Amino acid sequence: MDMLDISEDQLRQRLEEMRQEHSDLDLAIQRIGESPPYDELQLMRLKRKKLNLKDEIQRVENMLVPDIIA
C-alpha cells in the first residue's frame, strides 16, 4: 500500500490497526516468555515483527503530523 495515495482518514484507521497489532504482539511475546521452554526463534521473529511495526507506526504518525518549522 502506497501511503501517499490514501486519505488522512484512511491513514488514521491504518494507524489504529497497527497500534492494535503492536499491542497484540506485545501480549503474545509476554505469554511465550512466561512459559518455558519456548521457541527462541519464534520469539525473535515476533520481536522483529513488533519492531518493524513500531517503525511503520512512526512513519504514519509523521505523515499525519508534519514537522512544524518554528
Protein backbone atom coordinates (compact mmCIF):
# COMPACT_ATOMS: atom_id res chain seq x y z
CA MET A 1 0.00 0.00 0.00
CA ASP A 2 1.44 3.38 -1.01
CA MET A 3 0.89 5.67 1.96
CA LEU A 4 0.99 8.78 -0.26
CA ASP A 5 -2.11 7.75 -2.22
CA ILE A 6 -4.53 7.39 0.71
CA SER A 7 -6.58 9.91 2.65
CA GLU A 8 -5.88 11.16 6.16
CA ASP A 9 -8.86 9.19 7.48
CA GLN A 10 -7.51 6.01 5.93
CA LEU A 11 -4.09 6.73 7.46
CA ARG A 12 -5.65 7.21 10.89
CA GLN A 13 -7.59 3.96 10.52
CA ARG A 14 -4.45 2.10 9.45
CA LEU A 15 -2.57 3.65 12.37
CA GLU A 16 -5.14 2.31 14.84
CA GLU A 17 -4.95 -1.14 13.24
CA MET A 18 -1.16 -1.14 13.52
CA ARG A 19 -1.29 0.00 17.14
CA GLN A 20 -3.67 -2.85 17.95
CA GLU A 21 -1.44 -5.35 16.16
CA HIS A 22 1.57 -3.97 18.08
CA SER A 23 -0.30 -4.45 21.36
CA ASP A 24 -1.32 -7.98 20.36
CA LEU A 25 2.28 -8.84 19.51
CA ASP A 26 3.41 -7.48 22.87
CA LEU A 27 0.95 -9.76 24.67
CA ALA A 28 1.98 -12.76 22.57
CA ILE A 29 5.66 -12.13 23.34
CA GLN A 30 4.91 -11.87 27.06
CA ARG A 31 2.91 -15.09 27.07
CA ILE A 32 5.56 -17.03 25.17
CA GLY A 33 8.27 -15.77 27.53
CA GLU A 34 6.27 -16.77 30.61
CA SER A 35 6.04 -20.45 29.74
CA PRO A 36 9.44 -22.06 29.20
CA PRO A 37 10.55 -23.95 27.34
CA TYR A 38 9.66 -21.70 24.44
CA ASP A 39 10.70 -21.47 20.82
CA GLU A 40 13.52 -18.91 20.79
CA LEU A 41 13.29 -18.49 17.01
CA GLN A 42 9.56 -17.78 17.17
CA LEU A 43 10.14 -15.26 19.95
CA MET A 44 12.84 -13.50 17.93
CA ARG A 45 10.58 -13.34 14.87
CA LEU A 46 7.74 -11.83 16.87
CA LYS A 47 10.07 -9.25 18.41
CA ARG A 48 11.41 -8.31 14.97
CA LYS A 49 7.88 -8.02 13.59
CA LYS A 50 6.91 -5.82 16.55
CA LEU A 51 9.93 -3.57 15.98
CA ASN A 52 9.18 -3.25 12.25
CA LEU A 53 5.58 -2.42 13.08
CA LYS A 54 6.72 0.26 15.52
CA ASP A 55 8.83 1.83 12.75
CA GLU A 56 5.85 1.79 10.38
CA ILE A 57 3.64 3.37 13.05
CA GLN A 58 6.21 6.14 13.44
CA ARG A 59 6.27 6.76 9.68
CA VAL A 60 2.48 7.07 9.53
CA GLU A 61 2.42 9.34 12.58
CA ASN A 62 5.00 11.56 10.90
CA MET A 63 2.81 11.75 7.79
CA LEU A 64 -0.17 12.82 9.91
CA VAL A 65 1.74 15.39 11.98
CA PRO A 66 4.10 17.27 9.72
CA ASP A 67 7.17 18.96 11.15
CA ILE A 68 6.47 22.48 12.30
CA ILE A 69 9.24 24.90 11.46
CA ALA A 70 9.47 27.43 14.29
